[in-house]
């Protein structure tokens, strides 16, 4: 039997939906702005406690606060502070084993009286696990038992009935984001660090290096100066990049032969197959350092109207090759 929806009252609403939306946004904006005068030394102590933890930040909360703490845990983890969400009801039914020495618990409850969270307090004390609490009341039981308490008091919820968690959860979310960003700066977390944790994201792709996107090892088309042209052509065909590097005995890049070079050579020299790669190569091909970013490789290819760049160490040793089509597939811009 399906649950029925609440009945819609026949009388017309006193306000338009847009008016309701405007009031909700105004109340929630005021709730976030109201956090500023509540910031004090406790915030600094909370950051220091979280920063000094040798373990993870265990985020927990019930109901809507729990959903907000799930997001905060994700934000912390993606910005250099290992964190995860632990449901407080599951915790007191066996999942407390997830908390290990070195962890810090970050809990949120607007009332500060959530039963499931208060059950955790005595266990956390036995484990010696520090507690950072976010509540709307500094005098609440959860606030009193926390090592550090952060106040997220609001004047009213954005709910017209002043019941549904709205402004309170928005304020908690903003305070959690503030903690995450303060920790990010304290750790010296960089764009490169962010990219490592977001390899599939657009920023992560833009911060990939030439070494990370190159064809190397067995996928790298390369022949020696003495390689017969017949074998060089086979190497170009087998690797499928339309080009092959030509290296000296020390593995340094000496030149290259491309499909275009090959067509010109065939038109000019009937005895091409009797020559070596060293005799037919184009010297001083375009190169890029392994640590250069992928967008820089793309810009260099477009500037010189080429489809490949060889990745070389400062000594000239060949490491790999970056192809234009691989960079287009990354959607760098």
Foldseek 3Di string as FASTA:
>chain_A
DDDDDDDDDPDDDPDDPVVLVVLQVVQLVVLQVVLVVQDDCLLVVVLVLQLPQPDAEEEEEDDLLLVLSQVLCVLLCLLPGHYHYDYLVVCVVPVVVVDDHRYAYEYEDAQLPPPSVVVCLVVCVVRVHAYEYEYQDCPHPNNVSHPGYGHSHGPFHSPPVSPDHRSSSSNVNSSSVVSSVVNSVVVVGDLCNSLVSVCLDLSVQQQQFCLRLFQFDPLAAEDEQAAFVVVSVVSCVVSVQQKHFYAYPVQFTFFIAGVVLVVVCVVVPVCRRRHGCNVRGDGDDAADERNHTLVVVLVVCVVVVHFKHFYAHPVRHTGGMHGNVSSVVSVND
